[in-house]
Amino acid sequence: MDLNATFHDLEGTSVFITGGGSGIGASLTEGFLRQGAKVAFVGRSDASEFVERMATETGNRPLFIQCDITDIAALKNAVTEAANAHGPIGILVNNAANDQRHATLDVDEDFWDWSQSINLKAYFFACQAVIPGMQALGGGAIVNFTSISYMMGNSGYPAYTSANSGINGLTRSLAREFGPDRIRVNALAPGWVLTDKQLDKWATPEALAAHLERQCLKDHLAPQDIVESTLFLASKASRMISGQALVVDGGVVVSG
C-alpha cells in the first residue's frame, strides 16, 4: 500500500479496529500499521497468517484477538486486552458489518436482531468500552463506518440500511456527549468499494458500468481510498471535525 500522506501524530497511538483482518478492515489495519500505530483488531476467523504478513511487510506487528462482536462480553474483554497490550485506546474504528441481502417480507425477528447486533449494537458497545480510556487520555477519535446505501434509498437489505442510518444518529449523539472530553466521533460512508467479496458476489460488468455512470469521478473505489480518509479522521489533522459523516463514494450522493 502506497499511502499519499503521513499523519505523524498516529505513530505510537493505540488503535482498535473491528473486522480488521479481511476486506476493507485488513486495509485499515495495514494503513494504521504503516503510520507506526499500535494496532489491535478483532475478527471471527483466524487471522494469524495475515498478522505474520503484516509484520513482515510493515515491520509492525498487529495484535489479533479472535472475537465475535455480537458477543458483547467478549468484545469488551478484547478492548481490555488491547489496552493492556498497547495502552489506553486512543482511536476506535468500528468497521465490521454484514450486508447480507434480504427481502422485507422474508425478515423475521431472529434475522432482524442478528443484523442489528452486528451492524449497530456492537458499534454502541465498542464505543462505550473505549470511552473511559479516552477520557483518561484527554481525548480520542472514533470512526464509525456506515454506508451510502441508506442515502441512496437502496432496496434489498432494509435491516442493514436501518442500521446504517442509526450509526449516523449514534455518531452525532456521542460527539455531542463526549466533545467536552475532546473525544471526536465521526462516521465514514463508503460507496461501492471493490473488495474481493464485492467482486465475487455482486460486481458484474453491467452493475459496475451502471454504478460508475452515477459517480462524478469515473474511477472505481479501492480500499486505499477508504483507508486514507479514515487516517485523516483519526488524526489531529481533523481535530475540529466531529459529529460529521464523511462520504467517500466518487460523487454518487450529495450530502449537506
Protein backbone atom coordinates (compact mmCIF):
# COMPACT_ATOMS: atom_id res chain seq x y z
CA MET A 1 0.00 0.00 0.00
CA ASP A 2 1.48 3.29 -1.15
CA LEU A 3 -0.15 5.95 1.03
CA ASN A 4 -0.32 9.55 -0.13
CA ALA A 5 0.11 11.14 3.30
CA THR A 6 1.76 10.51 6.65
CA PHE A 7 -0.02 11.56 9.83
CA HIS A 8 2.82 11.81 12.31
CA ASP A 9 0.57 12.02 15.38
CA LEU A 10 -0.70 8.48 14.73
CA GLU A 11 2.72 6.98 15.45
CA GLY A 12 2.60 5.02 18.71
CA THR A 13 -1.14 5.55 19.17
CA SER A 14 -3.19 2.59 20.43
CA VAL A 15 -5.76 1.72 17.74
CA PHE A 16 -8.61 -0.80 17.93
CA ILE A 17 -10.34 -1.98 14.73
CA THR A 18 -13.34 -4.30 14.45
CA GLY A 19 -13.26 -6.66 11.50
CA GLY A 20 -9.64 -5.75 10.85
CA GLY A 21 -8.50 -8.99 9.25
CA SER A 22 -10.33 -9.02 5.92
CA GLY A 23 -11.75 -6.75 3.25
CA ILE A 24 -11.61 -3.02 3.93
CA GLY A 25 -10.74 -3.85 7.54
CA ALA A 26 -7.49 -5.55 6.55
CA SER A 27 -6.52 -2.49 4.54
CA LEU A 28 -7.34 -0.30 7.55
CA THR A 29 -5.09 -2.42 9.75
CA GLU A 30 -2.27 -2.12 7.22
CA GLY A 31 -2.79 1.62 6.84
CA PHE A 32 -2.51 2.29 10.56
CA LEU A 33 0.48 -0.05 10.88
CA ARG A 34 2.27 1.91 8.17
CA GLN A 35 1.67 5.07 10.18
CA GLY A 36 3.51 3.47 13.10
CA ALA A 37 0.39 2.93 15.22
CA LYS A 38 -0.02 0.07 17.69
CA VAL A 39 -2.93 -1.81 16.17
CA ALA A 40 -5.21 -4.39 17.74
CA PHE A 41 -8.06 -5.86 15.75
CA VAL A 42 -10.83 -8.39 16.22
CA GLY A 43 -12.49 -10.80 13.82
CA ARG A 44 -14.33 -14.10 13.85
CA SER A 45 -11.94 -16.00 11.58
CA ASP A 46 -8.35 -16.84 12.38
CA ALA A 47 -6.05 -14.10 11.08
CA SER A 48 -2.66 -15.50 12.11
CA GLU A 49 -1.39 -15.61 8.53
CA PHE A 50 -2.43 -12.00 7.96
CA VAL A 51 -0.67 -10.94 11.17
CA GLU A 52 2.58 -12.56 10.05
CA ARG A 53 2.33 -10.98 6.61
CA MET A 54 1.74 -7.54 8.11
CA ALA A 55 4.66 -7.95 10.50
CA THR A 56 6.92 -8.83 7.56
CA GLU A 57 5.64 -6.19 5.13
CA THR A 58 5.29 -3.25 7.53
CA GLY A 59 7.79 -4.09 10.27
CA ASN A 60 4.97 -3.53 12.74
CA ARG A 61 3.08 -6.49 14.21
CA PRO A 62 -0.65 -6.10 14.95
CA LEU A 63 -2.39 -7.82 17.84
CA PHE A 64 -5.18 -10.13 16.68
CA ILE A 65 -7.92 -11.10 19.13
CA GLN A 66 -10.39 -13.67 17.83
CA CYS A 67 -13.84 -12.45 18.76
CA ASP A 68 -17.44 -12.44 17.59
CA ILE A 69 -18.51 -8.82 18.05
CA THR A 70 -22.11 -9.87 18.69
CA ASP A 71 -20.83 -11.34 21.98
CA ILE A 72 -20.66 -8.06 23.87
CA ALA A 73 -18.81 -9.51 26.85
CA ALA A 74 -16.13 -10.91 24.52
CA LEU A 75 -15.93 -7.58 22.67
CA LYS A 76 -15.40 -5.70 25.93
CA ASN A 77 -12.76 -8.22 27.01
CA ALA A 78 -10.97 -7.71 23.69
CA VAL A 79 -10.88 -3.95 24.27
CA THR A 80 -9.39 -4.56 27.72
CA GLU A 81 -6.79 -6.97 26.30
CA ALA A 82 -5.80 -4.48 23.61
CA ALA A 83 -5.48 -1.66 26.15
CA ASN A 84 -3.34 -3.84 28.41
CA ALA A 85 -1.05 -4.64 25.48
CA HIS A 86 -0.81 -1.24 23.79
CA GLY A 87 -2.01 1.29 26.35
CA PRO A 88 -5.41 3.01 26.52
CA ILE A 89 -7.12 3.03 23.13
CA GLY A 90 -6.89 6.44 21.50
CA ILE A 91 -8.56 5.51 18.22
CA LEU A 92 -11.51 3.20 17.62
CA VAL A 93 -12.58 2.19 14.12
CA ASN A 94 -15.94 0.42 14.05
CA ASN A 95 -15.66 -1.28 10.67
CA ALA A 96 -17.17 -4.77 10.99
CA ALA A 97 -20.53 -5.15 9.26
CA ASN A 98 -22.63 -7.63 7.31
CA ASP A 99 -24.67 -6.51 4.31
CA GLN A 100 -26.35 -9.85 3.58
CA ARG A 101 -29.13 -9.32 1.06
CA HIS A 102 -32.71 -9.91 2.18
CA ALA A 103 -36.31 -9.07 1.31
CA THR A 104 -38.51 -7.18 3.75
CA LEU A 105 -41.32 -9.75 3.71
CA ASP A 106 -38.88 -12.56 4.50
CA VAL A 107 -37.37 -10.94 7.61
CA ASP A 108 -38.26 -12.48 10.97
CA GLU A 109 -37.30 -11.28 14.45
CA ASP A 110 -34.24 -13.50 14.65
CA PHE A 111 -32.78 -12.16 11.41
CA TRP A 112 -33.57 -8.57 12.39
CA ASP A 113 -31.88 -8.98 15.78
CA TRP A 114 -28.87 -10.69 14.20
CA SER A 115 -28.42 -7.87 11.69
CA GLN A 116 -28.72 -5.14 14.30
CA SER A 117 -26.35 -6.96 16.66
CA ILE A 118 -23.58 -6.80 14.06
CA ASN A 119 -24.36 -3.55 12.30
CA LEU A 120 -25.39 -1.28 15.18
CA LYS A 121 -25.39 -2.83 18.66
CA ALA A 122 -21.71 -3.79 18.56
CA TYR A 123 -20.84 -0.25 17.47
CA PHE A 124 -22.51 1.23 20.52
CA PHE A 125 -20.83 -1.11 22.99
CA ALA A 126 -17.40 -0.80 21.39
CA CYS A 127 -17.71 2.97 21.81
CA GLN A 128 -18.86 2.52 25.40
CA ALA A 129 -15.88 0.27 26.13
CA VAL A 130 -13.20 2.65 24.81
CA ILE A 131 -14.57 5.99 26.01
CA PRO A 132 -13.37 5.80 29.64
CA GLY A 133 -9.81 5.23 28.44
CA MET A 134 -10.10 8.13 26.01
CA GLN A 135 -11.37 10.34 28.81
CA ALA A 136 -8.32 9.40 30.86
CA LEU A 137 -6.07 10.19 27.88
CA GLY A 138 -7.63 13.61 27.49
CA GLY A 139 -9.17 12.83 24.12
CA GLY A 140 -9.56 10.36 21.30
CA ALA A 141 -11.12 9.66 17.94
CA ILE A 142 -13.88 7.25 16.95
CA VAL A 143 -14.68 6.48 13.31
CA ASN A 144 -17.95 4.61 12.75
CA PHE A 145 -18.35 3.03 9.33
CA THR A 146 -21.75 3.44 7.75
CA SER A 147 -22.66 3.33 4.04
CA ILE A 148 -24.20 5.39 1.28
CA SER A 149 -26.78 2.61 0.77
CA TYR A 150 -29.39 4.24 3.00
CA MET A 151 -28.70 7.68 1.48
CA MET A 152 -29.45 6.24 -1.94
CA GLY A 153 -32.63 4.58 -0.72
CA ASN A 154 -31.35 1.20 -1.87
CA SER A 155 -33.60 -1.83 -1.59
CA GLY A 156 -32.50 -5.40 -1.00
CA TYR A 157 -31.21 -5.08 2.57
CA PRO A 158 -33.55 -2.95 4.72
CA ALA A 159 -32.27 -4.20 8.07
CA TYR A 160 -28.75 -3.19 7.04
CA THR A 161 -29.76 0.26 5.80
CA SER A 162 -31.73 0.83 9.01
CA ALA A 163 -28.57 0.16 10.99
CA ASN A 164 -26.56 2.45 8.69
CA SER A 165 -28.91 5.32 9.39
CA GLY A 166 -28.79 4.51 13.11
CA ILE A 167 -24.99 4.74 13.05
CA ASN A 168 -25.26 8.37 12.00
CA GLY A 169 -27.62 9.11 14.88
CA LEU A 170 -25.29 7.34 17.31
CA THR A 171 -22.31 9.25 15.94
CA ARG A 172 -23.94 12.63 16.40
CA SER A 173 -25.17 11.90 19.90
CA LEU A 174 -21.81 10.60 21.12
CA ALA A 175 -20.00 13.54 19.51
CA ARG A 176 -22.21 15.91 21.48
CA GLU A 177 -21.99 13.99 24.76
CA PHE A 178 -18.23 13.45 24.77
CA GLY A 179 -17.00 16.52 22.93
CA PRO A 180 -16.17 18.19 26.28
CA ASP A 181 -13.73 15.29 26.83
CA ARG A 182 -12.09 16.10 23.45
CA ILE A 183 -13.37 12.83 22.03
CA ARG A 184 -14.23 13.25 18.36
CA VAL A 185 -16.81 10.91 16.83
CA ASN A 186 -17.38 10.81 13.08
CA ALA A 187 -18.98 8.49 10.57
CA LEU A 188 -17.46 7.43 7.28
CA ALA A 189 -19.79 6.37 4.47
CA PRO A 190 -18.05 4.47 1.67
CA GLY A 191 -19.53 3.99 -1.76
CA TRP A 192 -19.06 0.77 -3.69
CA VAL A 193 -15.56 -0.36 -2.79
CA LEU A 194 -14.34 -3.24 -4.90
CA THR A 195 -13.15 -5.70 -2.30
CA ASP A 196 -12.73 -9.39 -3.12
CA LYS A 197 -16.15 -10.08 -1.60
CA GLN A 198 -17.85 -7.49 -3.78
CA LEU A 199 -16.09 -8.77 -6.89
CA ASP A 200 -17.07 -12.36 -6.11
CA LYS A 201 -20.73 -11.73 -5.27
CA TRP A 202 -22.18 -8.67 -6.96
CA ALA A 203 -19.74 -6.85 -9.23
CA THR A 204 -20.99 -7.93 -12.65
CA PRO A 205 -19.79 -5.90 -15.64
CA GLU A 206 -23.30 -4.49 -16.05
CA ALA A 207 -23.60 -3.48 -12.38
CA LEU A 208 -20.15 -1.89 -12.38
CA ALA A 209 -20.88 0.12 -15.51
CA ALA A 210 -24.23 1.32 -14.15
CA HIS A 211 -22.70 2.41 -10.84
CA LEU A 212 -19.76 4.15 -12.47
CA GLU A 213 -22.24 6.13 -14.56
CA ARG A 214 -23.68 7.53 -11.30
CA GLN A 215 -20.29 8.64 -9.98
CA CYS A 216 -18.90 12.10 -10.69
CA LEU A 217 -15.39 10.63 -10.68
CA LYS A 218 -15.09 7.83 -13.19
CA ASP A 219 -12.80 5.54 -11.24
CA HIS A 220 -13.92 2.61 -9.12
CA LEU A 221 -13.22 2.89 -5.41
CA ALA A 222 -10.42 0.80 -3.91
CA PRO A 223 -9.88 0.04 -0.21
CA GLN A 224 -6.99 2.54 -0.08
CA ASP A 225 -9.45 5.36 -0.82
CA ILE A 226 -11.26 4.49 2.41
CA VAL A 227 -8.07 3.95 4.41
CA GLU A 228 -6.67 7.42 3.75
CA SER A 229 -9.97 9.09 4.65
CA THR A 230 -10.07 7.11 7.90
CA LEU A 231 -6.50 8.07 8.77
CA PHE A 232 -7.46 11.72 8.30
CA LEU A 233 -10.48 11.43 10.61
CA ALA A 234 -8.37 9.59 13.19
CA SER A 235 -5.53 12.09 13.17
CA LYS A 236 -5.26 15.53 14.71
CA ALA A 237 -5.34 16.91 11.16
CA SER A 238 -9.13 16.76 11.67
CA ARG A 239 -9.07 17.94 15.27
CA MET A 240 -12.10 20.25 14.91
CA ILE A 241 -14.25 17.81 12.94
CA SER A 242 -16.81 15.88 14.99
CA GLY A 243 -20.37 14.66 14.61
CA GLN A 244 -20.00 14.53 10.83
CA ALA A 245 -20.49 11.93 8.12
CA LEU A 246 -17.74 11.88 5.52
CA VAL A 247 -18.94 10.37 2.24
CA VAL A 248 -16.26 8.69 0.12
CA ASP A 249 -18.07 7.45 -2.96
CA GLY A 250 -16.65 9.17 -6.02
CA GLY A 251 -19.55 11.60 -6.05
CA VAL A 252 -22.67 9.42 -6.11
CA VAL A 253 -24.70 11.06 -3.33
CA VAL A 254 -24.80 14.68 -2.26
CA SER A 255 -24.69 15.36 1.49
CA GLY A 256 -25.16 18.52 3.45
